[in-house]
Amino acid sequence: MAKKMSLPVAKAGGQVSTADAIEGPDRISVQERRYRAEDGARTLARAQEIKRDKGLMKDIKSHVKMMTKAVCK
């Protein structure tokens, strides 16, 4: 049985592009995968900035400790 392919869909005000075509079994568009990769890279960069800020890390740890006590009550 032949594999069923879906056609790319134009977004409002845009043109249909083969770069936006649905790919793979997870059915995520190339554009969505690119966006997720960029967002992940920004998230990892921000995490590194937070880890380097010793004062902020101290505040984060005390906040997590306080929240943990509140949840465990």
N, C-alpha and C. Protein backbone atom coordinates (compact mmCIF):
# COMPACT_ATOMS: atom_id res chain seq x y z
N MET A 1 0.84 -1.17 0.00
CA MET A 1 0.00 0.00 0.00
C MET A 1 0.88 1.24 0.00
N ALA A 2 0.57 2.20 -0.85
CA ALA A 2 1.38 3.41 -0.99
C ALA A 2 1.23 4.29 0.24
N LYS A 3 2.31 5.00 0.59
CA LYS A 3 2.31 5.92 1.71
C LYS A 3 1.48 7.15 1.37
N LYS A 4 0.60 7.54 2.27
CA LYS A 4 -0.28 8.68 2.03
C LYS A 4 0.49 9.98 2.34
N MET A 5 0.51 10.90 1.38
CA MET A 5 1.19 12.18 1.58
C MET A 5 0.14 13.27 1.71
N SER A 6 0.37 14.19 2.64
CA SER A 6 -0.53 15.34 2.74
C SER A 6 0.11 16.50 1.99
N LEU A 7 -0.72 17.37 1.49
CA LEU A 7 -0.23 18.51 0.72
C LEU A 7 0.05 19.69 1.64
N PRO A 8 1.03 20.52 1.29
CA PRO A 8 1.29 21.71 2.09
C PRO A 8 0.10 22.66 2.03
N VAL A 9 -0.15 23.35 3.12
CA VAL A 9 -1.28 24.26 3.21
C VAL A 9 -0.75 25.68 3.33
N ALA A 10 -1.31 26.59 2.54
CA ALA A 10 -0.89 27.99 2.60
C ALA A 10 -1.39 28.63 3.89
N LYS A 11 -0.54 29.42 4.50
CA LYS A 11 -0.95 30.18 5.67
C LYS A 11 -1.58 31.48 5.21
N ALA A 12 -2.36 32.09 6.06
CA ALA A 12 -3.03 33.34 5.70
C ALA A 12 -2.01 34.36 5.23
N GLY A 13 -2.20 34.88 4.05
CA GLY A 13 -1.31 35.90 3.51
C GLY A 13 0.01 35.36 2.99
N GLY A 14 0.17 34.05 2.96
CA GLY A 14 1.43 33.48 2.51
C GLY A 14 1.24 32.57 1.33
N GLN A 15 2.35 32.11 0.80
CA GLN A 15 2.30 31.20 -0.32
C GLN A 15 2.65 29.81 0.15
N VAL A 16 2.21 28.82 -0.58
CA VAL A 16 2.56 27.45 -0.29
C VAL A 16 4.02 27.24 -0.65
N SER A 17 4.75 26.64 0.27
CA SER A 17 6.17 26.41 0.05
C SER A 17 6.48 24.96 0.36
N THR A 18 7.37 24.37 -0.41
CA THR A 18 7.75 22.99 -0.12
C THR A 18 8.55 22.92 1.17
N ALA A 19 9.14 24.04 1.61
CA ALA A 19 9.87 24.07 2.88
C ALA A 19 8.92 23.93 4.06
N ASP A 20 7.64 24.25 3.87
CA ASP A 20 6.65 24.14 4.94
C ASP A 20 5.89 22.82 4.89
N ALA A 21 6.25 21.94 3.98
CA ALA A 21 5.54 20.68 3.82
C ALA A 21 5.69 19.83 5.07
N ILE A 22 4.69 19.02 5.33
CA ILE A 22 4.72 18.13 6.47
C ILE A 22 5.70 17.00 6.18
N GLU A 23 6.54 16.69 7.17
CA GLU A 23 7.54 15.65 6.99
C GLU A 23 7.48 14.63 8.10
N GLY A 24 7.81 13.43 7.80
CA GLY A 24 8.00 12.37 8.78
C GLY A 24 6.73 11.89 9.45
N PRO A 25 6.89 10.83 10.24
CA PRO A 25 5.74 10.23 10.90
C PRO A 25 5.17 11.11 12.00
N ASP A 26 5.96 12.01 12.55
CA ASP A 26 5.45 12.86 13.62
C ASP A 26 4.64 14.04 13.09
N ARG A 27 4.62 14.22 11.78
CA ARG A 27 3.78 15.20 11.10
C ARG A 27 4.05 16.64 11.55
N ILE A 28 5.29 16.97 11.86
CA ILE A 28 5.66 18.33 12.23
C ILE A 28 6.28 19.00 11.02
N SER A 29 5.84 20.21 10.71
CA SER A 29 6.36 20.89 9.54
C SER A 29 7.83 21.26 9.75
N VAL A 30 8.52 21.45 8.67
CA VAL A 30 9.93 21.84 8.72
C VAL A 30 10.07 23.17 9.45
N GLN A 31 9.15 24.07 9.19
CA GLN A 31 9.18 25.38 9.83
C GLN A 31 9.00 25.23 11.35
N GLU A 32 8.09 24.37 11.79
CA GLU A 32 7.86 24.15 13.22
C GLU A 32 9.09 23.54 13.86
N ARG A 33 9.73 22.59 13.20
CA ARG A 33 10.95 21.97 13.73
C ARG A 33 12.06 23.00 13.87
N ARG A 34 12.19 23.88 12.88
CA ARG A 34 13.21 24.94 12.92
C ARG A 34 12.93 25.88 14.10
N TYR A 35 11.65 26.26 14.27
CA TYR A 35 11.27 27.13 15.38
C TYR A 35 11.60 26.47 16.72
N ARG A 36 11.27 25.19 16.86
CA ARG A 36 11.55 24.47 18.11
C ARG A 36 13.04 24.40 18.39
N ALA A 37 13.84 24.19 17.36
CA ALA A 37 15.29 24.13 17.53
C ALA A 37 15.83 25.49 17.98
N GLU A 38 15.36 26.57 17.35
CA GLU A 38 15.80 27.91 17.74
C GLU A 38 15.38 28.23 19.17
N ASP A 39 14.14 27.87 19.52
CA ASP A 39 13.64 28.12 20.87
C ASP A 39 14.44 27.32 21.90
N GLY A 40 14.75 26.09 21.58
CA GLY A 40 15.55 25.26 22.48
C GLY A 40 16.94 25.84 22.69
N ALA A 41 17.54 26.35 21.63
CA ALA A 41 18.87 26.95 21.73
C ALA A 41 18.83 28.18 22.64
N ARG A 42 17.78 29.00 22.49
CA ARG A 42 17.63 30.18 23.37
C ARG A 42 17.44 29.75 24.82
N THR A 43 16.66 28.70 25.04
CA THR A 43 16.41 28.21 26.39
C THR A 43 17.71 27.73 27.04
N LEU A 44 18.50 26.97 26.28
CA LEU A 44 19.77 26.47 26.83
C LEU A 44 20.75 27.60 27.12
N ALA A 45 20.77 28.61 26.26
CA ALA A 45 21.64 29.77 26.50
C ALA A 45 21.22 30.49 27.77
N ARG A 46 19.91 30.66 27.96
CA ARG A 46 19.39 31.33 29.16
C ARG A 46 19.72 30.51 30.40
N ALA A 47 19.64 29.19 30.32
CA ALA A 47 19.97 28.33 31.46
C ALA A 47 21.43 28.50 31.86
N GLN A 48 22.31 28.62 30.88
CA GLN A 48 23.73 28.83 31.18
C GLN A 48 23.94 30.18 31.87
N GLU A 49 23.23 31.21 31.43
CA GLU A 49 23.32 32.53 32.06
C GLU A 49 22.88 32.45 33.52
N ILE A 50 21.80 31.74 33.77
CA ILE A 50 21.28 31.60 35.14
C ILE A 50 22.27 30.84 36.01
N LYS A 51 22.84 29.76 35.49
CA LYS A 51 23.80 28.97 36.26
C LYS A 51 25.03 29.78 36.65
N ARG A 52 25.45 30.70 35.80
CA ARG A 52 26.64 31.52 36.09
C ARG A 52 26.36 32.61 37.12
N ASP A 53 25.11 32.98 37.33
CA ASP A 53 24.73 34.03 38.27
C ASP A 53 24.56 33.41 39.66
N LYS A 54 25.61 33.50 40.49
CA LYS A 54 25.62 32.83 41.80
C LYS A 54 24.53 33.37 42.72
N GLY A 55 24.31 34.68 42.71
CA GLY A 55 23.27 35.27 43.56
C GLY A 55 21.89 34.78 43.19
N LEU A 56 21.62 34.75 41.90
CA LEU A 56 20.33 34.27 41.42
C LEU A 56 20.14 32.80 41.76
N MET A 57 21.18 31.99 41.61
CA MET A 57 21.07 30.57 41.93
C MET A 57 20.76 30.37 43.40
N LYS A 58 21.37 31.19 44.26
CA LYS A 58 21.09 31.10 45.70
C LYS A 58 19.62 31.42 45.96
N ASP A 59 19.10 32.47 45.32
CA ASP A 59 17.69 32.84 45.47
C ASP A 59 16.76 31.76 44.93
N ILE A 60 17.14 31.16 43.82
CA ILE A 60 16.33 30.09 43.22
C ILE A 60 16.26 28.89 44.17
N LYS A 61 17.40 28.51 44.73
CA LYS A 61 17.44 27.36 45.63
C LYS A 61 16.59 27.60 46.87
N SER A 62 16.65 28.81 47.43
CA SER A 62 15.83 29.09 48.62
C SER A 62 14.34 29.11 48.25
N HIS A 63 14.01 29.62 47.07
CA HIS A 63 12.62 29.62 46.61
C HIS A 63 12.10 28.19 46.42
N VAL A 64 12.90 27.35 45.81
CA VAL A 64 12.50 25.94 45.59
C VAL A 64 12.31 25.24 46.92
N LYS A 65 13.22 25.51 47.88
CA LYS A 65 13.10 24.90 49.20
C LYS A 65 11.79 25.32 49.88
N MET A 66 11.46 26.63 49.78
CA MET A 66 10.23 27.15 50.37
C MET A 66 8.99 26.53 49.70
N MET A 67 9.03 26.42 48.37
CA MET A 67 7.90 25.85 47.64
C MET A 67 7.74 24.36 47.96
N THR A 68 8.84 23.66 48.12
CA THR A 68 8.79 22.24 48.45
C THR A 68 8.14 22.04 49.82
N LYS A 69 8.48 22.89 50.79
CA LYS A 69 7.87 22.80 52.12
C LYS A 69 6.37 23.07 52.03
N ALA A 70 5.98 24.05 51.21
CA ALA A 70 4.57 24.41 51.07
C ALA A 70 3.76 23.27 50.43
N VAL A 71 4.35 22.59 49.47
CA VAL A 71 3.66 21.50 48.77
C VAL A 71 3.56 20.26 49.66
N CYS A 72 4.58 20.02 50.46
CA CYS A 72 4.63 18.80 51.28
C CYS A 72 3.75 18.89 52.53
N LYS A 73 3.17 20.03 52.83
CA LYS A 73 2.31 20.16 54.03
C LYS A 73 1.06 19.36 53.89
